[in-house]
Amino acid sequence: MEDFTFMDLDNKIKKFEQSCERLAQIDAEKLNEKINTEIEEQINVELTEYVKKQEASYKKQCEKIVKDYNKALFEYEVECKKNVQNVKNIIKKELKEEVKRKLQIFNEKEEYLQYLIKTINDSLNVVNNDNSSIIFVTNNDKQKYEEVLNRYNIKIDVLDNDFIGGCKLKNDKLGVIIDNTLKTNLDEI
């Protein structure tokens, strides 16, 4: 019987040992699970922070790219507008020069005298043919059409030939100045 008791005791110790091992294993599994959960939670927190930082960095980079793009686009548009304006100015200048040449050619034609007479008559009509008016014509026109101009019985004065043709009328009594010169008309274009 004594053997039986020792065996029982040995069995009991083994069972107790096995029970302790199972409990320790269960505790180890729970502890392992708890540690894994904490590690996973920590990883998720750090991952979330990392993602937020990366998103913020990405957003900032995108904003910088958009800002740089808009700045470059604005500068390009300004440059294009300057270029277009420069081309317009060049074309306008060339066009004025061409029109000036054509007006100078027109000034030499027979039809020009009819234009000059009409311009003088229109200007005089504005001041009701007031004899205190002064008509200004280019030096070339005065020399070329002196006989026609003298028919007006109005003082005729001379303009520089740069005015190309046409006339100016001045009436100090009425306070009227009319500029129908070809140069002035050209400059108003």
C-alpha atoms as a PDB file:
ATOM      1  CA  MET A   1       0.000   0.000   0.000  1.00  0.00           C
ATOM      2  CA  GLU A   2       2.758   2.178   0.571  1.00  0.00           C
ATOM      3  CA  ASP A   3       3.734   1.755  -3.020  1.00  0.00           C
ATOM      4  CA  PHE A   4       0.316   2.657  -4.008  1.00  0.00           C
ATOM      5  CA  THR A   5       0.474   5.921  -2.112  1.00  0.00           C
ATOM      6  CA  PHE A   6       3.799   6.842  -3.589  1.00  0.00           C
ATOM      7  CA  MET A   7       2.453   6.068  -6.959  1.00  0.00           C
ATOM      8  CA  ASP A   8      -0.583   7.999  -6.258  1.00  0.00           C
ATOM      9  CA  LEU A   9       1.571  10.799  -5.060  1.00  0.00           C
ATOM     10  CA  ASP A  10       3.787  10.532  -8.116  1.00  0.00           C
ATOM     11  CA  ASN A  11       0.715  10.510 -10.306  1.00  0.00           C
ATOM     12  CA  LYS A  12      -0.734  13.398  -8.433  1.00  0.00           C
ATOM     13  CA  ILE A  13       2.501  15.351  -8.766  1.00  0.00           C
ATOM     14  CA  LYS A  14       2.641  14.491 -12.467  1.00  0.00           C
ATOM     15  CA  LYS A  15      -0.953  15.497 -12.884  1.00  0.00           C
ATOM     16  CA  PHE A  16      -0.303  18.645 -10.907  1.00  0.00           C
ATOM     17  CA  GLU A  17       2.784  19.272 -13.011  1.00  0.00           C
ATOM     18  CA  GLN A  18       0.802  18.665 -16.184  1.00  0.00           C
ATOM     19  CA  SER A  19      -1.970  20.889 -14.925  1.00  0.00           C
ATOM     20  CA  CYS A  20       0.559  23.616 -14.100  1.00  0.00           C
ATOM     21  CA  GLU A  21       2.126  23.229 -17.523  1.00  0.00           C
ATOM     22  CA  ARG A  22      -1.307  23.509 -19.178  1.00  0.00           C
ATOM     23  CA  LEU A  23      -2.152  26.558 -17.066  1.00  0.00           C
ATOM     24  CA  ALA A  24       1.259  28.039 -17.822  1.00  0.00           C
ATOM     25  CA  GLN A  25       0.772  27.273 -21.503  1.00  0.00           C
ATOM     26  CA  ILE A  26      -2.711  28.857 -21.408  1.00  0.00           C
ATOM     27  CA  ASP A  27      -1.280  31.875 -19.562  1.00  0.00           C
ATOM     28  CA  ALA A  28       1.580  32.009 -22.072  1.00  0.00           C
ATOM     29  CA  GLU A  29      -0.873  31.868 -24.980  1.00  0.00           C
ATOM     30  CA  LYS A  30      -3.004  34.602 -23.379  1.00  0.00           C
ATOM     31  CA  LEU A  31       0.097  36.677 -22.670  1.00  0.00           C
ATOM     32  CA  ASN A  32       1.356  36.040 -26.206  1.00  0.00           C
ATOM     33  CA  GLU A  33      -2.055  37.039 -27.599  1.00  0.00           C
ATOM     34  CA  LYS A  34      -2.095  40.159 -25.406  1.00  0.00           C
ATOM     35  CA  ILE A  35       1.440  41.108 -26.521  1.00  0.00           C
ATOM     36  CA  ASN A  36       0.563  40.447 -30.164  1.00  0.00           C
ATOM     37  CA  THR A  37      -2.591  42.587 -29.817  1.00  0.00           C
ATOM     38  CA  GLU A  38      -0.608  45.415 -28.204  1.00  0.00           C
ATOM     39  CA  ILE A  39       2.076  45.140 -30.887  1.00  0.00           C
ATOM     40  CA  GLU A  40      -0.590  45.142 -33.607  1.00  0.00           C
ATOM     41  CA  GLU A  41      -2.299  48.155 -32.030  1.00  0.00           C
ATOM     42  CA  GLN A  42       1.043  49.976 -31.756  1.00  0.00           C
ATOM     43  CA  ILE A  43       1.857  49.110 -35.370  1.00  0.00           C
ATOM     44  CA  ASN A  44      -1.581  50.381 -36.433  1.00  0.00           C
ATOM     45  CA  VAL A  45      -1.081  53.638 -34.478  1.00  0.00           C
ATOM     46  CA  GLU A  46       2.380  54.140 -35.981  1.00  0.00           C
ATOM     47  CA  LEU A  47       1.127  53.147 -39.432  1.00  0.00           C
ATOM     48  CA  THR A  48      -1.780  55.592 -39.146  1.00  0.00           C
ATOM     49  CA  GLU A  49       0.610  58.373 -38.082  1.00  0.00           C
ATOM     50  CA  TYR A  50       2.977  57.483 -40.900  1.00  0.00           C
ATOM     51  CA  VAL A  51       0.137  57.466 -43.456  1.00  0.00           C
ATOM     52  CA  LYS A  52      -1.102  60.853 -42.157  1.00  0.00           C
ATOM     53  CA  LYS A  53       2.412  62.300 -42.417  1.00  0.00           C
ATOM     54  CA  GLN A  54       2.828  60.886 -45.920  1.00  0.00           C
ATOM     55  CA  GLU A  55      -0.594  62.196 -46.960  1.00  0.00           C
ATOM     56  CA  ALA A  56       0.253  65.639 -45.552  1.00  0.00           C
ATOM     57  CA  SER A  57       3.615  65.558 -47.333  1.00  0.00           C
ATOM     58  CA  TYR A  58       1.951  64.411 -50.554  1.00  0.00           C
ATOM     59  CA  LYS A  59      -0.714  67.111 -50.275  1.00  0.00           C
ATOM     60  CA  LYS A  60       1.958  69.744 -49.629  1.00  0.00           C
ATOM     61  CA  GLN A  61       3.965  68.542 -52.638  1.00  0.00           C
ATOM     62  CA  CYS A  62       0.830  68.587 -54.793  1.00  0.00           C
ATOM     63  CA  GLU A  63       0.013  72.123 -53.645  1.00  0.00           C
ATOM     64  CA  LYS A  64       3.572  73.209 -54.462  1.00  0.00           C
ATOM     65  CA  ILE A  65       3.349  71.597 -57.884  1.00  0.00           C
ATOM     66  CA  VAL A  66      -0.010  73.303 -58.554  1.00  0.00           C
ATOM     67  CA  LYS A  67       1.381  76.629 -57.299  1.00  0.00           C
ATOM     68  CA  ASP A  68       4.497  76.283 -59.471  1.00  0.00           C
ATOM     69  CA  TYR A  69       2.347  75.265 -62.441  1.00  0.00           C
ATOM     70  CA  ASN A  70       0.005  78.236 -61.967  1.00  0.00           C
ATOM     71  CA  LYS A  71       2.975  80.586 -61.620  1.00  0.00           C
ATOM     72  CA  ALA A  72       4.592  79.211 -64.764  1.00  0.00           C
ATOM     73  CA  LEU A  73       1.261  79.363 -66.614  1.00  0.00           C
ATOM     74  CA  PHE A  74       0.718  82.975 -65.515  1.00  0.00           C
ATOM     75  CA  GLU A  75       4.241  83.941 -66.599  1.00  0.00           C
ATOM     76  CA  TYR A  76       3.695  82.172 -69.920  1.00  0.00           C
ATOM     77  CA  GLU A  77       0.367  83.951 -70.466  1.00  0.00           C
ATOM     78  CA  VAL A  78       1.942  87.318 -69.620  1.00  0.00           C
ATOM     79  CA  GLU A  79       4.820  86.598 -72.000  1.00  0.00           C
ATOM     80  CA  CYS A  80       2.375  85.551 -74.724  1.00  0.00           C
ATOM     81  CA  LYS A  81       0.323  88.712 -74.214  1.00  0.00           C
ATOM     82  CA  LYS A  82       3.493  90.814 -74.425  1.00  0.00           C
ATOM     83  CA  ASN A  83       4.493  89.015 -77.613  1.00  0.00           C
ATOM     84  CA  VAL A  84       1.026  89.441 -79.112  1.00  0.00           C
ATOM     85  CA  GLN A  85       1.055  93.143 -78.168  1.00  0.00           C
ATOM     86  CA  ASN A  86       4.517  93.564 -79.683  1.00  0.00           C
ATOM     87  CA  VAL A  87       3.380  91.874 -82.898  1.00  0.00           C
ATOM     88  CA  LYS A  88       0.250  94.063 -82.937  1.00  0.00           C
ATOM     89  CA  ASN A  89       2.394  97.167 -82.488  1.00  0.00           C
ATOM     90  CA  ILE A  90       4.742  96.103 -85.269  1.00  0.00           C
ATOM     91  CA  ILE A  91       1.840  95.328 -87.597  1.00  0.00           C
ATOM     92  CA  LYS A  92       0.122  98.597 -86.664  1.00  0.00           C
ATOM     93  CA  LYS A  93       3.327 100.554 -87.301  1.00  0.00           C
ATOM     94  CA  GLU A  94       3.906  98.800 -90.631  1.00  0.00           C
ATOM     95  CA  LEU A  95       0.269  99.322 -91.575  1.00  0.00           C
ATOM     96  CA  LYS A  96       0.483 103.030 -90.732  1.00  0.00           C
ATOM     97  CA  GLU A  97       3.644 103.325 -92.823  1.00  0.00           C
ATOM     98  CA  GLU A  98       1.909 101.569 -95.727  1.00  0.00           C
ATOM     99  CA  VAL A  99      -1.184 103.778 -95.393  1.00  0.00           C
ATOM    100  CA  LYS A 100       1.063 106.852 -95.204  1.00  0.00           C
ATOM    101  CA  ARG A 101       2.794 105.810 -98.444  1.00  0.00           C
ATOM    102  CA  LYS A 102      -0.575 105.252-100.120  1.00  0.00           C
ATOM    103  CA  LEU A 103      -1.816 108.640 -98.877  1.00  0.00           C
ATOM    104  CA  GLN A 104       1.309 110.272-100.280  1.00  0.00           C
ATOM    105  CA  ILE A 105       0.607 108.551-103.615  1.00  0.00           C
ATOM    106  CA  PHE A 106      -3.056 109.672-103.380  1.00  0.00           C
ATOM    107  CA  ASN A 107      -1.812 113.214-102.709  1.00  0.00           C
ATOM    108  CA  GLU A 108      -0.178 113.184-106.150  1.00  0.00           C
ATOM    109  CA  LYS A 109      -3.311 112.053-108.022  1.00  0.00           C
ATOM    110  CA  GLU A 110      -5.986 114.225-109.657  1.00  0.00           C
ATOM    111  CA  GLU A 111      -8.664 112.987-107.230  1.00  0.00           C
ATOM    112  CA  TYR A 112      -6.756 114.556-104.337  1.00  0.00           C
ATOM    113  CA  LEU A 113      -7.751 118.093-105.377  1.00  0.00           C
ATOM    114  CA  GLN A 114     -11.438 117.096-105.123  1.00  0.00           C
ATOM    115  CA  TYR A 115     -10.739 115.637-101.661  1.00  0.00           C
ATOM    116  CA  LEU A 116      -8.917 118.830-100.558  1.00  0.00           C
ATOM    117  CA  ILE A 117     -11.769 121.053-101.794  1.00  0.00           C
ATOM    118  CA  LYS A 118     -14.356 118.874-100.034  1.00  0.00           C
ATOM    119  CA  THR A 119     -12.334 118.935 -96.803  1.00  0.00           C
ATOM    120  CA  ILE A 120     -12.022 122.737 -96.934  1.00  0.00           C
ATOM    121  CA  ASN A 121     -15.748 123.146 -97.736  1.00  0.00           C
ATOM    122  CA  ASP A 122     -16.767 120.785 -94.908  1.00  0.00           C
ATOM    123  CA  SER A 123     -14.568 122.682 -92.452  1.00  0.00           C
ATOM    124  CA  LEU A 124     -15.918 126.065 -93.568  1.00  0.00           C
ATOM    125  CA  ASN A 125     -19.498 124.819 -93.258  1.00  0.00           C
ATOM    126  CA  VAL A 126     -18.861 124.124 -89.563  1.00  0.00           C
ATOM    127  CA  VAL A 127     -18.082 127.847 -89.010  1.00  0.00           C
ATOM    128  CA  ASN A 128     -20.767 129.033 -91.483  1.00  0.00           C
ATOM    129  CA  ASN A 129     -18.103 130.248 -93.938  1.00  0.00           C
ATOM    130  CA  ASP A 130     -16.909 132.876 -91.437  1.00  0.00           C
ATOM    131  CA  ASN A 131     -14.244 134.990 -93.207  1.00  0.00           C
ATOM    132  CA  SER A 132     -12.234 135.385 -89.988  1.00  0.00           C
ATOM    133  CA  SER A 133     -11.225 131.742 -90.334  1.00  0.00           C
ATOM    134  CA  ILE A 134      -7.727 130.667 -91.329  1.00  0.00           C
ATOM    135  CA  ILE A 135      -7.241 127.611 -93.517  1.00  0.00           C
ATOM    136  CA  PHE A 136      -3.979 125.715 -93.157  1.00  0.00           C
ATOM    137  CA  VAL A 137      -2.735 123.454 -95.962  1.00  0.00           C
ATOM    138  CA  THR A 138       0.632 121.802 -96.592  1.00  0.00           C
ATOM    139  CA  ASN A 139       3.299 123.845 -98.292  1.00  0.00           C
ATOM    140  CA  ASN A 140       3.133 121.469-101.281  1.00  0.00           C
ATOM    141  CA  ASP A 141      -0.658 121.932-101.572  1.00  0.00           C
ATOM    142  CA  LYS A 142      -0.392 125.733-101.327  1.00  0.00           C
ATOM    143  CA  GLN A 143       2.149 125.846-104.131  1.00  0.00           C
ATOM    144  CA  LYS A 144       0.383 123.267-106.282  1.00  0.00           C
ATOM    145  CA  TYR A 145      -3.229 124.530-105.852  1.00  0.00           C
ATOM    146  CA  GLU A 146      -2.675 128.234-105.117  1.00  0.00           C
ATOM    147  CA  GLU A 147      -5.136 129.339-107.793  1.00  0.00           C
ATOM    148  CA  VAL A 148      -7.928 127.128-106.391  1.00  0.00           C
ATOM    149  CA  LEU A 149      -7.185 128.133-102.780  1.00  0.00           C
ATOM    150  CA  ASN A 150      -7.290 131.875-103.608  1.00  0.00           C
ATOM    151  CA  ARG A 151     -10.945 131.511-104.704  1.00  0.00           C
ATOM    152  CA  TYR A 152     -11.976 131.073-101.068  1.00  0.00           C
ATOM    153  CA  ASN A 153     -11.183 134.702-100.096  1.00  0.00           C
ATOM    154  CA  ILE A 154      -9.935 133.420 -96.747  1.00  0.00           C
ATOM    155  CA  LYS A 155      -6.456 133.644 -95.293  1.00  0.00           C
ATOM    156  CA  ILE A 156      -4.458 130.566 -96.277  1.00  0.00           C
ATOM    157  CA  ASP A 157      -1.513 129.594 -94.093  1.00  0.00           C
ATOM    158  CA  VAL A 158       1.071 126.818 -94.436  1.00  0.00           C
ATOM    159  CA  LEU A 159       1.504 123.523 -92.569  1.00  0.00           C
ATOM    160  CA  ASP A 160       4.586 121.348 -92.627  1.00  0.00           C
ATOM    161  CA  ASN A 161       4.515 118.745 -95.402  1.00  0.00           C
ATOM    162  CA  ASP A 162       4.562 116.018 -92.680  1.00  0.00           C
ATOM    163  CA  PHE A 163       0.792 116.556 -92.454  1.00  0.00           C
ATOM    164  CA  ILE A 164       0.645 114.840 -95.902  1.00  0.00           C
ATOM    165  CA  GLY A 165      -2.462 116.693 -97.046  1.00  0.00           C
ATOM    166  CA  GLY A 166      -5.951 117.791 -96.101  1.00  0.00           C
ATOM    167  CA  CYS A 167      -6.464 120.961 -94.106  1.00  0.00           C
ATOM    168  CA  LYS A 168      -6.823 122.586 -90.706  1.00  0.00           C
ATOM    169  CA  LEU A 169      -9.222 125.394 -89.929  1.00  0.00           C
ATOM    170  CA  LYS A 170      -8.806 127.849 -87.086  1.00  0.00           C
ATOM    171  CA  ASN A 171     -11.369 130.464 -86.080  1.00  0.00           C
ATOM    172  CA  ASP A 172     -10.349 132.440 -82.993  1.00  0.00           C
ATOM    173  CA  LYS A 173     -13.555 134.486 -83.067  1.00  0.00           C
ATOM    174  CA  LEU A 174     -15.696 131.344 -82.684  1.00  0.00           C
ATOM    175  CA  GLY A 175     -13.071 129.387 -80.717  1.00  0.00           C
ATOM    176  CA  VAL A 176     -13.046 126.593 -83.281  1.00  0.00           C
ATOM    177  CA  ILE A 177     -10.148 124.451 -84.478  1.00  0.00           C
ATOM    178  CA  ILE A 178     -10.788 121.661 -86.979  1.00  0.00           C
ATOM    179  CA  ASP A 179      -8.033 119.273 -87.986  1.00  0.00           C
ATOM    180  CA  ASN A 180      -8.834 117.323 -91.143  1.00  0.00           C
ATOM    181  CA  THR A 181      -5.245 116.636 -92.142  1.00  0.00           C
ATOM    182  CA  LEU A 182      -4.383 113.213 -93.479  1.00  0.00           C
ATOM    183  CA  LYS A 183      -1.636 112.796 -90.854  1.00  0.00           C
ATOM    184  CA  THR A 184      -4.050 113.483 -87.975  1.00  0.00           C
ATOM    185  CA  ASN A 185      -6.611 111.110 -89.450  1.00  0.00           C
ATOM    186  CA  LEU A 186      -3.873 108.500 -89.826  1.00  0.00           C
ATOM    187  CA  ASP A 187      -2.663 109.016 -86.251  1.00  0.00           C
ATOM    188  CA  GLU A 188      -6.203 108.441 -84.955  1.00  0.00           C
ATOM    189  CA  ILE A 189      -6.223 104.939 -86.421  1.00  0.00           C
END
